[in-house]
Amino acid sequence: MEMLQHLGAGFEAAFTLTNMMFICGGVILGIIFGVTPGVGSVTALAILVPITFYMSPLAAIAFLVGINKGGTSGGAIPAILINTPGTPEAAATALDGFPLTKQGKPLKAMKTALYSSVCGDTFSDCMLIVLAAPFAAIALTFGPPEFTSIIIFSFTLIAALAGKSLVKGVMAAAFGVFLSTWGLDPVDASARLTFDMVELFDGIPLTPMAIGTLALSSVIAQIFALRKTGKAEEAAAGLGFREDNKLPASEFWGNWKTLLRSACIGTGVGMLPGLGVSLAAFLGYGAAKRGSKTPELFGKGTIEGIQATEAANSAVVGSNLIPTIALGIPGNVAAALLIGAFMIHGVVPGPLMMIEHGALVYSIFASMLMANIAHLIIGRIGIVIWVKFVQIPKKIILPVVTVFCFLGVYIPSNSMFDVALLLIFGGLGYVMRKSGFSIVCLVIGFLLGPMLEMALRQTMLMHKTDLTILITRPISLVFLLLTVFFIWHFGFRGRFRTKETVKETEAAE
């Protein structure tokens, strides 16, 4: 009952014309970025986080949440129309979406994707509202040793799942932590790796680091790929407005078990750091195929396949904020960028957030539910419009995105030093992409580095540098054992499996 009262107060604070405009604007921008192949919602978030500096905390987070929601579903549109996913998680949607387009039913496929996305998103938002407070209450019982172990575990899990190599993932996360230590020491204010540069006294700014590694490096990679292939983009398939493009309610809700199953899968995946949206989409698709009465239709253009993937990947959007709000640990890159936005406005995600900023948190919850309604309306009205963005050549899109990268860095700080950092991190991100190092691990390591340092130093001060406390506290020990398990499972075991696969391949040849 108390939770409903807080949520009601949140709706009262969030239901303003200004907030609704930012929510709608975020959804529209998210869809546009998602529809444009090779850009996506993460790039949009990285570019647009800096402009939220001039907004209120509620409007800023509502705007960014709208971008994330719109971008997640927007990637399905090019996947359906031209078999080119706008975002990685939409790859599973193309399995049945594009065959429906070839059957002359693109509108039916896009309607299915939109409605399923909203359903999965709404379910995960409800789970967020229900579970955030209990998770935060449990986290309040944690001390520095527990937080140290949890962060180490999170690094390992993210490193194991975010890339192809556990070692490279751990190295990228460690480098991110190293970069976070630049600046003045938080305890004694001694200078660390500042090189006598005043601009580095506060550490490396998040904005040029995030935009450079995530957005600018992606642009650079796509420019080189475009020059290499020299191929023009495939035109979007023609839209037909035939009777069979209609989506009756009975046909859509006839697969309610698939929707619910995928929403649960996406919610579970989102709650665990590092698993990723793409995994949720393919898990949802696989579960739907196994549970379907007509599995032979999957891959040939069934709406059940589209429902499964879109409900699953959209369900991650809300649930990945559960560890973000309760523990201060981002579930994915989008959540990591939201943490940066929170910090810009003086709000530190973690167990105390529900106590210190409870009114803001519930206002954000209300905004997320309102964003789902806005997403449904805007997405449905604009289905035909979004198709036009699919047809924009990358030769036009990439320069525009580059300009936004530079503006997003320069305008908030009015500093050319930040622009220089943008170029440096853009180059670093490109090198990491080409060499197989995870940029996700780098960014999350950079964001969690200060938290790890503080928790570890507090542990050492409280226990006189005796780190055996990490294995004598039950909760801490559990997370350390999980860390060891994941290192073994994804490191040593995976290495042996790879060697066996190579031997089998050689024997076959």
Protein backbone atom coordinates (compact mmCIF):
# COMPACT_ATOMS: atom_id res chain seq x y z
CA MET A 1 0.00 0.00 0.00
CA GLU A 2 2.83 2.38 0.89
CA MET A 3 4.49 1.62 -2.45
CA LEU A 4 1.28 2.55 -4.30
CA GLN A 5 1.11 5.84 -2.39
CA HIS A 6 4.71 6.65 -3.36
CA LEU A 7 3.95 5.70 -6.97
CA GLY A 8 0.86 7.91 -6.95
CA ALA A 9 2.96 10.82 -5.72
CA GLY A 10 5.47 9.98 -8.46
CA PHE A 11 2.76 10.22 -11.13
CA GLU A 12 1.67 13.56 -9.69
CA ALA A 13 5.23 14.90 -10.00
CA ALA A 14 5.91 13.35 -13.40
CA PHE A 15 2.65 14.15 -15.13
CA THR A 16 3.58 17.65 -16.29
CA LEU A 17 3.66 19.12 -19.76
CA THR A 18 7.44 19.63 -19.63
CA ASN A 19 8.17 16.09 -18.51
CA MET A 20 5.79 14.62 -21.11
CA MET A 21 7.50 16.63 -23.84
CA PHE A 22 10.91 15.28 -22.82
CA ILE A 23 9.55 11.72 -22.65
CA CYS A 24 7.99 11.98 -26.12
CA GLY A 25 11.11 13.68 -27.51
CA GLY A 26 13.28 10.90 -26.08
CA VAL A 27 11.10 8.17 -27.58
CA ILE A 28 11.14 9.84 -31.01
CA LEU A 29 14.92 10.32 -30.97
CA GLY A 30 15.43 6.77 -29.72
CA ILE A 31 13.37 5.30 -32.55
CA ILE A 32 15.18 7.44 -35.13
CA PHE A 33 18.60 6.36 -33.84
CA GLY A 34 17.43 2.75 -33.55
CA VAL A 35 15.98 2.72 -37.07
CA THR A 36 19.25 3.97 -38.52
CA PRO A 37 21.48 0.90 -39.01
CA GLY A 38 24.80 1.11 -37.22
CA VAL A 39 23.81 3.87 -34.80
CA GLY A 40 21.46 2.55 -32.09
CA SER A 41 20.24 3.74 -28.70
CA VAL A 42 23.61 3.37 -26.93
CA THR A 43 25.19 5.84 -29.36
CA ALA A 44 22.22 8.15 -28.86
CA LEU A 45 22.56 7.98 -25.08
CA ALA A 46 26.31 8.62 -25.21
CA ILE A 47 25.80 11.68 -27.43
CA LEU A 48 22.79 13.14 -25.63
CA VAL A 49 23.70 12.57 -21.95
CA PRO A 50 25.67 15.88 -21.85
CA ILE A 51 22.69 18.01 -22.85
CA THR A 52 20.72 16.74 -19.85
CA PHE A 53 23.01 18.87 -17.69
CA TYR A 54 20.62 21.75 -18.32
CA MET A 55 17.51 19.77 -17.36
CA SER A 56 15.99 18.88 -14.02
CA PRO A 57 17.00 15.42 -12.73
CA LEU A 58 13.53 13.99 -13.42
CA ALA A 59 13.29 15.42 -16.94
CA ALA A 60 16.84 14.29 -17.73
CA ILE A 61 16.33 10.66 -16.70
CA ALA A 62 12.85 10.54 -18.27
CA PHE A 63 14.33 11.84 -21.54
CA LEU A 64 17.14 9.26 -21.52
CA VAL A 65 14.80 6.42 -20.56
CA GLY A 66 12.58 7.40 -23.50
CA ILE A 67 15.60 7.20 -25.81
CA ASN A 68 16.49 3.75 -24.50
CA LYS A 69 12.94 2.44 -24.90
CA GLY A 70 12.49 3.87 -28.39
CA GLY A 71 15.93 2.76 -29.56
CA THR A 72 15.46 -0.83 -28.40
CA SER A 73 12.31 -1.30 -30.47
CA GLY A 74 13.43 0.95 -33.33
CA GLY A 75 16.17 -1.49 -34.31
CA ALA A 76 13.48 -3.98 -35.32
CA ILE A 77 12.26 -1.82 -38.21
CA PRO A 78 15.29 -2.14 -40.54
CA ALA A 79 15.61 -5.78 -39.43
CA ILE A 80 12.07 -6.38 -40.71
CA LEU A 81 12.27 -4.26 -43.86
CA ILE A 82 15.77 -4.88 -45.24
CA ASN A 83 17.11 -7.73 -43.08
CA THR A 84 19.65 -5.33 -41.53
CA PRO A 85 19.19 -5.00 -37.74
CA GLY A 86 19.41 -1.41 -36.52
CA THR A 87 20.71 -2.72 -33.20
CA PRO A 88 22.45 -6.04 -32.35
CA GLU A 89 19.48 -7.34 -30.33
CA ALA A 90 17.19 -6.94 -33.36
CA ALA A 91 19.12 -9.64 -35.24
CA ALA A 92 16.76 -12.27 -33.83
CA THR A 93 13.74 -10.22 -34.98
CA ALA A 94 14.98 -10.42 -38.57
CA LEU A 95 14.62 -14.23 -38.51
CA ASP A 96 10.84 -13.97 -38.89
CA GLY A 97 10.39 -10.26 -39.58
CA PHE A 98 12.07 -10.20 -42.98
CA PRO A 99 10.27 -13.34 -44.26
CA LEU A 100 6.98 -11.60 -43.41
CA THR A 101 8.12 -8.59 -45.46
CA LYS A 102 8.90 -10.85 -48.41
CA GLN A 103 5.35 -12.18 -48.05
CA GLY A 104 4.06 -8.61 -48.49
CA LYS A 105 3.22 -8.09 -44.79
CA PRO A 106 5.78 -5.52 -43.50
CA LEU A 107 3.19 -3.46 -41.63
CA LYS A 108 1.90 -6.53 -39.81
CA ALA A 109 5.44 -7.42 -38.76
CA MET A 110 6.22 -3.89 -37.54
CA LYS A 111 2.94 -3.68 -35.58
CA THR A 112 3.74 -7.00 -33.92
CA ALA A 113 7.24 -5.82 -33.01
CA LEU A 114 5.95 -2.55 -31.55
CA TYR A 115 3.13 -4.06 -29.47
CA SER A 116 5.36 -6.86 -28.19
CA SER A 117 8.08 -4.39 -27.26
CA VAL A 118 5.64 -2.28 -25.24
CA CYS A 119 4.26 -5.38 -23.48
CA GLY A 120 7.71 -6.66 -22.48
CA ASP A 121 8.83 -3.18 -21.43
CA THR A 122 5.75 -2.60 -19.25
CA PHE A 123 6.18 -5.98 -17.53
CA SER A 124 9.82 -5.28 -16.65
CA ASP A 125 8.95 -1.77 -15.41
CA CYS A 126 6.40 -3.30 -13.03
CA MET A 127 9.04 -5.75 -11.79
CA LEU A 128 11.43 -2.84 -11.28
CA ILE A 129 8.88 -0.98 -9.16
CA VAL A 130 8.16 -4.09 -7.06
CA LEU A 131 11.75 -5.31 -6.59
CA ALA A 132 13.88 -2.14 -6.40
CA ALA A 133 13.01 -1.30 -2.79
CA PRO A 134 13.51 -4.87 -1.41
CA PHE A 135 16.84 -5.16 -3.26
CA ALA A 136 17.96 -1.81 -1.84
CA ALA A 137 16.88 -2.87 1.67
CA ILE A 138 19.00 -6.02 1.40
CA ALA A 139 21.92 -4.02 0.02
CA LEU A 140 21.79 -1.70 3.05
CA THR A 141 22.99 -4.61 5.17
CA PHE A 142 26.14 -4.90 3.03
CA GLY A 143 29.41 -3.45 4.27
CA PRO A 144 32.59 -2.51 2.36
CA PRO A 145 33.80 -6.16 2.12
CA GLU A 146 30.52 -7.23 0.51
CA PHE A 147 30.56 -4.37 -1.97
CA THR A 148 34.19 -5.14 -2.84
CA SER A 149 33.33 -8.75 -3.65
CA ILE A 150 30.15 -7.81 -5.55
CA ILE A 151 32.02 -5.35 -7.77
CA ILE A 152 34.80 -7.88 -8.46
CA PHE A 153 32.12 -10.45 -9.34
CA SER A 154 30.37 -7.94 -11.62
CA PHE A 155 33.61 -7.24 -13.47
CA THR A 156 34.17 -10.95 -14.01
CA LEU A 157 30.60 -11.60 -15.16
CA ILE A 158 30.59 -8.65 -17.55
CA ALA A 159 34.04 -9.54 -18.88
CA ALA A 160 32.98 -13.12 -19.46
CA LEU A 161 29.78 -12.30 -21.30
CA ALA A 162 30.46 -9.00 -23.04
CA GLY A 163 33.16 -10.27 -25.38
CA LYS A 164 34.67 -13.40 -26.87
CA SER A 165 37.65 -13.51 -24.50
CA LEU A 166 37.48 -13.44 -20.70
CA VAL A 167 41.12 -12.33 -20.48
CA LYS A 168 40.58 -9.40 -22.83
CA GLY A 169 37.38 -8.47 -21.00
CA VAL A 170 39.15 -8.44 -17.63
CA MET A 171 42.03 -6.42 -19.11
CA ALA A 172 39.60 -3.86 -20.53
CA ALA A 173 37.77 -3.56 -17.19
CA ALA A 174 41.08 -3.21 -15.32
CA PHE A 175 42.16 -0.48 -17.73
CA GLY A 176 38.86 1.31 -17.12
CA VAL A 177 39.49 1.14 -13.36
CA PHE A 178 43.01 2.48 -13.93
CA LEU A 179 41.67 5.45 -15.91
CA SER A 180 39.19 6.19 -13.10
CA THR A 181 42.07 6.70 -10.64
CA TRP A 182 43.45 9.73 -12.51
CA GLY A 183 43.01 13.01 -10.66
CA LEU A 184 43.18 13.98 -6.99
CA ASP A 185 43.10 11.22 -4.40
CA PRO A 186 39.64 11.21 -2.73
CA VAL A 187 41.21 10.74 0.74
CA ASP A 188 44.35 12.89 0.93
CA ALA A 189 43.92 14.99 -2.25
CA SER A 190 47.33 14.02 -3.61
CA ALA A 191 47.69 14.28 -7.40
CA ARG A 192 47.60 11.03 -9.35
CA LEU A 193 48.61 10.98 -13.02
CA THR A 194 47.51 14.58 -13.58
CA PHE A 195 50.74 15.52 -15.42
CA ASP A 196 50.40 18.98 -13.80
CA MET A 197 47.32 19.61 -15.92
CA VAL A 198 44.56 21.44 -14.06
CA GLU A 199 41.94 19.88 -16.35
CA LEU A 200 42.77 16.43 -14.92
CA PHE A 201 42.51 17.38 -11.23
CA ASP A 202 38.88 16.19 -11.20
CA GLY A 203 39.81 13.07 -13.14
CA ILE A 204 39.06 12.12 -16.73
CA PRO A 205 35.60 13.51 -17.64
CA LEU A 206 32.97 10.87 -18.33
CA THR A 207 31.45 12.63 -21.34
CA PRO A 208 34.41 12.60 -23.79
CA MET A 209 35.41 9.16 -22.57
CA ALA A 210 31.95 7.63 -23.15
CA ILE A 211 31.18 9.43 -26.41
CA GLY A 212 34.65 8.73 -27.77
CA THR A 213 34.78 5.01 -27.03
CA LEU A 214 31.13 4.21 -27.77
CA ALA A 215 29.97 6.64 -30.48
CA LEU A 216 32.98 8.12 -32.28
CA SER A 217 34.83 4.79 -32.49
CA SER A 218 31.71 3.23 -34.01
CA VAL A 219 31.58 5.99 -36.63
CA ILE A 220 35.26 5.49 -37.46
CA ALA A 221 34.77 1.73 -37.81
CA GLN A 222 31.76 2.19 -40.10
CA ILE A 223 33.62 4.72 -42.28
CA PHE A 224 36.44 2.24 -42.85
CA ALA A 225 33.92 -0.55 -43.51
CA LEU A 226 32.05 1.65 -45.98
CA ARG A 227 35.26 2.50 -47.83
CA LYS A 228 36.21 -1.15 -47.93
CA THR A 229 32.91 -2.48 -49.29
CA GLY A 230 31.88 0.56 -51.31
CA LYS A 231 28.37 -0.88 -51.45
CA ALA A 232 25.26 1.22 -51.34
CA GLU A 233 22.56 0.35 -48.82
CA GLU A 234 19.75 -1.87 -49.89
CA ALA A 235 16.49 -0.03 -50.37
CA ALA A 236 13.66 -0.73 -48.01
CA ALA A 237 11.02 -3.12 -49.17
CA GLY A 238 7.85 -1.65 -50.50
CA LEU A 239 5.02 -1.30 -48.04
CA GLY A 240 1.79 -2.89 -48.85
CA PHE A 241 -1.53 -1.86 -47.39
CA ARG A 242 -3.40 -5.05 -48.04
CA GLU A 243 -5.87 -6.69 -45.76
CA ASP A 244 -3.33 -9.21 -44.55
CA ASN A 245 -1.25 -6.36 -43.09
CA LYS A 246 -3.86 -6.02 -40.37
CA LEU A 247 -3.12 -7.46 -36.94
CA PRO A 248 -6.31 -8.60 -35.19
CA ALA A 249 -6.24 -8.51 -31.37
CA SER A 250 -7.21 -12.18 -31.26
CA GLU A 251 -4.16 -13.13 -33.33
CA PHE A 252 -1.77 -11.03 -31.24
CA TRP A 253 -3.07 -12.03 -27.80
CA GLY A 254 -3.47 -15.63 -28.91
CA ASN A 255 0.25 -15.96 -28.16
CA TRP A 256 0.04 -14.46 -24.66
CA LYS A 257 2.06 -17.32 -23.19
CA THR A 258 4.94 -16.46 -25.54
CA LEU A 259 4.75 -12.80 -24.56
CA LEU A 260 4.74 -13.61 -20.84
CA ARG A 261 7.55 -16.17 -21.15
CA SER A 262 9.78 -13.80 -23.11
CA ALA A 263 9.04 -10.91 -20.74
CA CYS A 264 10.11 -13.07 -17.80
CA ILE A 265 13.29 -14.16 -19.63
CA GLY A 266 14.19 -10.56 -20.53
CA THR A 267 13.52 -9.38 -16.98
CA GLY A 268 15.74 -12.11 -15.54
CA VAL A 269 18.54 -11.36 -17.99
CA GLY A 270 18.33 -7.62 -17.28
CA MET A 271 18.72 -8.16 -13.53
CA LEU A 272 22.10 -9.86 -13.99
CA PRO A 273 24.96 -7.51 -14.97
CA GLY A 274 26.64 -8.16 -18.28
CA LEU A 275 24.29 -10.66 -19.91
CA GLY A 276 23.15 -8.20 -22.56
CA VAL A 277 20.03 -7.50 -24.57
CA SER A 278 21.02 -9.73 -27.51
CA LEU A 279 21.18 -12.79 -25.24
CA ALA A 280 17.67 -12.06 -23.97
CA ALA A 281 16.33 -11.83 -27.54
CA PHE A 282 17.81 -15.17 -28.64
CA LEU A 283 16.85 -16.91 -25.39
CA GLY A 284 13.29 -15.68 -25.82
CA TYR A 285 13.23 -16.86 -29.43
CA GLY A 286 14.61 -20.28 -28.55
CA ALA A 287 12.15 -20.77 -25.67
CA ALA A 288 9.22 -19.73 -27.89
CA LYS A 289 10.23 -22.19 -30.61
CA ARG A 290 10.54 -25.04 -28.11
CA GLY A 291 7.17 -24.19 -26.52
CA SER A 292 5.29 -23.55 -29.78
CA LYS A 293 2.67 -25.88 -31.24
CA THR A 294 4.01 -25.01 -34.71
CA PRO A 295 7.84 -24.81 -34.38
CA GLU A 296 8.23 -25.59 -38.07
CA LEU A 297 6.90 -22.08 -38.91
CA PHE A 298 9.73 -20.32 -37.09
CA GLY A 299 12.13 -18.68 -39.51
CA LYS A 300 9.46 -18.61 -42.23
CA GLY A 301 7.54 -15.54 -41.08
CA THR A 302 5.49 -16.24 -37.93
CA ILE A 303 4.43 -13.38 -35.67
CA GLU A 304 5.16 -15.59 -32.65
CA GLY A 305 8.89 -15.37 -33.41
CA ILE A 306 8.73 -11.58 -33.57
CA GLN A 307 6.73 -11.43 -30.34
CA ALA A 308 9.27 -13.62 -28.55
CA THR A 309 12.33 -11.56 -29.48
CA GLU A 310 10.85 -8.09 -29.06
CA ALA A 311 9.17 -8.82 -25.71
CA ALA A 312 12.43 -10.31 -24.40
CA ASN A 313 14.85 -7.59 -25.50
CA SER A 314 12.54 -4.76 -24.40
CA ALA A 315 12.03 -6.37 -20.98
CA VAL A 316 15.72 -5.80 -20.28
CA VAL A 317 15.26 -2.00 -20.37
CA GLY A 318 13.41 -1.79 -17.08
CA SER A 319 14.93 -4.67 -15.15
CA ASN A 320 18.55 -3.60 -15.74
CA LEU A 321 17.81 -0.62 -13.48
CA ILE A 322 17.19 -2.97 -10.53
CA PRO A 323 20.92 -3.54 -9.81
CA THR A 324 21.60 0.04 -10.92
CA ILE A 325 19.31 1.61 -8.33
CA ALA A 326 19.71 -1.00 -5.58
CA LEU A 327 23.47 -1.59 -5.82
CA GLY A 328 24.84 1.15 -8.06
CA ILE A 329 26.02 -1.53 -10.49
CA PRO A 330 24.89 -1.10 -14.13
CA GLY A 331 23.36 -4.07 -15.89
CA ASN A 332 24.60 -2.94 -19.33
CA VAL A 333 26.09 0.05 -21.16
CA ALA A 334 22.77 1.90 -21.29
CA ALA A 335 22.42 1.60 -17.51
CA ALA A 336 26.05 2.69 -17.11
CA LEU A 337 25.34 5.86 -19.08
CA LEU A 338 22.24 6.46 -16.93
CA ILE A 339 24.48 6.24 -13.85
CA GLY A 340 26.61 8.97 -15.42
CA ALA A 341 23.48 11.07 -15.92
CA PHE A 342 22.45 10.52 -12.30
CA MET A 343 25.89 11.64 -11.12
CA ILE A 344 25.73 14.77 -13.27
CA HIS A 345 22.70 15.77 -11.22
CA GLY A 346 24.25 14.89 -7.88
CA VAL A 347 22.37 11.63 -7.42
CA VAL A 348 24.51 8.60 -6.54
CA PRO A 349 22.84 5.26 -7.43
CA GLY A 350 23.07 2.65 -4.70
CA PRO A 351 21.30 1.36 -1.60
CA LEU A 352 20.82 4.84 -0.12
CA MET A 353 19.21 6.21 -3.28
CA MET A 354 15.73 4.97 -2.27
CA ILE A 355 16.11 6.76 1.10
CA GLU A 356 17.80 9.99 0.02
CA HIS A 357 15.98 10.46 -3.30
CA GLY A 358 12.87 8.33 -2.87
CA ALA A 359 10.52 10.91 -4.39
CA LEU A 360 12.74 11.22 -7.48
CA VAL A 361 12.99 7.43 -7.87
CA TYR A 362 9.22 6.92 -7.84
CA SER A 363 8.78 9.86 -10.21
CA ILE A 364 11.19 8.09 -12.56
CA PHE A 365 9.15 4.88 -12.21
CA ALA A 366 6.02 6.81 -13.14
CA SER A 367 7.82 8.41 -16.08
CA MET A 368 8.86 4.98 -17.35
CA LEU A 369 5.26 3.76 -17.36
CA MET A 370 4.17 6.96 -19.09
CA ALA A 371 6.97 6.48 -21.63
CA ASN A 372 5.49 3.09 -22.55
CA ILE A 373 2.18 4.75 -23.47
CA ALA A 374 4.02 7.44 -25.43
CA HIS A 375 6.09 4.73 -27.13
CA LEU A 376 2.93 2.88 -28.20
CA ILE A 377 1.24 5.97 -29.62
CA ILE A 378 4.30 7.50 -31.31
CA GLY A 379 5.49 4.16 -32.66
CA ARG A 380 2.09 3.32 -34.14
CA ILE A 381 1.55 6.73 -35.74
CA GLY A 382 5.07 6.87 -37.13
CA ILE A 383 5.42 3.35 -38.56
CA VAL A 384 5.36 4.59 -42.15
CA ILE A 385 7.56 7.60 -41.31
CA TRP A 386 10.34 5.50 -39.72
CA VAL A 387 10.74 3.65 -42.98
CA LYS A 388 12.19 6.81 -44.54
CA PHE A 389 15.06 6.80 -42.06
CA VAL A 390 15.99 3.27 -43.13
CA GLN A 391 16.59 4.62 -46.62
CA ILE A 392 19.02 7.37 -45.55
CA PRO A 393 22.54 6.41 -46.76
CA LYS A 394 25.31 6.07 -44.20
CA LYS A 395 27.30 8.65 -46.17
CA ILE A 396 24.80 11.19 -44.84
CA ILE A 397 24.18 9.70 -41.40
CA LEU A 398 27.78 9.27 -40.27
CA PRO A 399 28.87 12.93 -40.71
CA VAL A 400 25.78 14.06 -38.78
CA VAL A 401 26.55 11.66 -35.93
CA THR A 402 30.18 12.89 -35.89
CA VAL A 403 29.05 16.50 -35.55
CA PHE A 404 26.76 15.51 -32.66
CA CYS A 405 29.71 13.79 -30.96
CA PHE A 406 31.79 16.96 -31.02
CA LEU A 407 28.90 19.21 -30.00
CA GLY A 408 27.94 16.86 -27.17
CA VAL A 409 31.45 17.14 -25.74
CA TYR A 410 32.19 20.81 -26.33
CA ILE A 411 28.91 22.51 -25.37
CA PRO A 412 28.64 21.35 -21.72
CA SER A 413 32.27 22.11 -20.82
CA ASN A 414 33.19 24.76 -23.41
CA SER A 415 36.65 23.15 -23.37
CA MET A 416 38.87 22.13 -26.27
CA PHE A 417 40.68 19.86 -23.84
CA ASP A 418 37.57 17.67 -23.72
CA VAL A 419 37.47 17.66 -27.53
CA ALA A 420 41.07 16.43 -27.55
CA LEU A 421 40.10 13.68 -25.11
CA LEU A 422 37.19 12.78 -27.40
CA LEU A 423 39.60 12.20 -30.29
CA ILE A 424 41.98 10.19 -28.10
CA PHE A 425 39.23 7.93 -26.77
CA GLY A 426 37.70 7.65 -30.23
CA GLY A 427 41.00 6.27 -31.50
CA LEU A 428 41.34 4.04 -28.44
CA GLY A 429 37.82 2.68 -28.96
CA TYR A 430 38.53 1.91 -32.62
CA VAL A 431 41.74 0.04 -31.73
CA MET A 432 39.85 -1.92 -29.06
CA ARG A 433 37.11 -2.85 -31.55
CA LYS A 434 39.65 -4.12 -34.08
CA SER A 435 41.69 -6.03 -31.50
CA GLY A 436 38.74 -7.71 -29.79
CA PHE A 437 38.79 -5.84 -26.47
CA SER A 438 35.38 -5.06 -24.95
CA ILE A 439 34.45 -1.37 -24.86
CA VAL A 440 31.55 -2.29 -22.57
CA CYS A 441 34.02 -3.58 -19.96
CA LEU A 442 36.14 -0.45 -20.32
CA VAL A 443 33.22 1.94 -19.71
CA ILE A 444 31.76 -0.05 -16.81
CA GLY A 445 35.23 -0.42 -15.27
CA PHE A 446 35.66 3.34 -15.51
CA LEU A 447 32.30 3.99 -13.83
CA LEU A 448 32.68 1.39 -11.08
CA GLY A 449 36.36 2.12 -10.44
CA PRO A 450 35.78 4.83 -7.80
CA MET A 451 33.25 2.62 -6.01
CA LEU A 452 35.70 -0.31 -5.99
CA GLU A 453 38.53 1.89 -4.72
CA MET A 454 36.40 3.34 -1.94
CA ALA A 455 35.02 -0.04 -0.84
CA LEU A 456 38.46 -1.67 -0.89
CA ARG A 457 40.14 1.17 1.03
CA GLN A 458 37.36 1.20 3.63
CA THR A 459 37.73 -2.55 4.03
CA MET A 460 41.48 -2.22 4.57
CA LEU A 461 41.08 0.65 7.05
CA MET A 462 38.38 -1.14 9.05
CA HIS A 463 40.28 -4.40 9.23
CA LYS A 464 43.88 -3.12 9.36
CA THR A 465 44.77 -4.26 5.82
CA ASP A 466 43.64 -7.81 6.61
CA LEU A 467 41.91 -8.82 3.38
CA THR A 468 41.01 -12.26 4.73
CA ILE A 469 37.80 -10.54 5.85
CA LEU A 470 36.64 -10.96 2.25
CA ILE A 471 36.46 -14.74 2.73
CA THR A 472 35.26 -14.78 6.33
CA ARG A 473 32.08 -12.76 5.65
CA PRO A 474 29.43 -15.15 4.23
CA ILE A 475 27.95 -12.87 1.52
CA SER A 476 31.38 -11.72 0.43
CA LEU A 477 32.59 -15.30 0.24
CA VAL A 478 29.60 -16.33 -1.91
CA PHE A 479 30.37 -13.65 -4.51
CA LEU A 480 34.08 -14.50 -4.53
CA LEU A 481 33.23 -18.17 -5.11
CA LEU A 482 30.94 -17.13 -7.96
CA THR A 483 33.82 -15.10 -9.37
CA VAL A 484 36.11 -18.14 -9.27
CA PHE A 485 33.40 -20.26 -10.91
CA PHE A 486 32.95 -17.84 -13.80
CA ILE A 487 36.70 -17.56 -14.31
CA TRP A 488 36.89 -21.35 -14.50
CA HIS A 489 33.77 -21.74 -16.64
CA PHE A 490 34.48 -19.03 -19.18
CA GLY A 491 38.26 -18.98 -18.93
CA PHE A 492 39.92 -22.35 -18.43
CA ARG A 493 36.98 -24.53 -19.46
CA GLY A 494 36.26 -22.36 -22.48
CA ARG A 495 39.93 -22.51 -23.46
CA PHE A 496 39.95 -26.31 -23.29
CA ARG A 497 36.74 -26.47 -25.33
CA THR A 498 38.29 -24.24 -27.97
CA LYS A 499 41.34 -26.49 -28.19
CA GLU A 500 39.13 -29.56 -28.53
CA THR A 501 37.12 -27.85 -31.27
CA VAL A 502 40.30 -26.99 -33.16
CA LYS A 503 41.53 -30.59 -32.89
CA GLU A 504 38.19 -31.94 -34.13
CA THR A 505 38.25 -29.51 -37.05
CA GLU A 506 41.79 -30.51 -37.99
CA ALA A 507 40.87 -34.18 -37.75
CA ALA A 508 37.86 -33.63 -39.97
CA GLU A 509 39.98 -31.83 -42.54
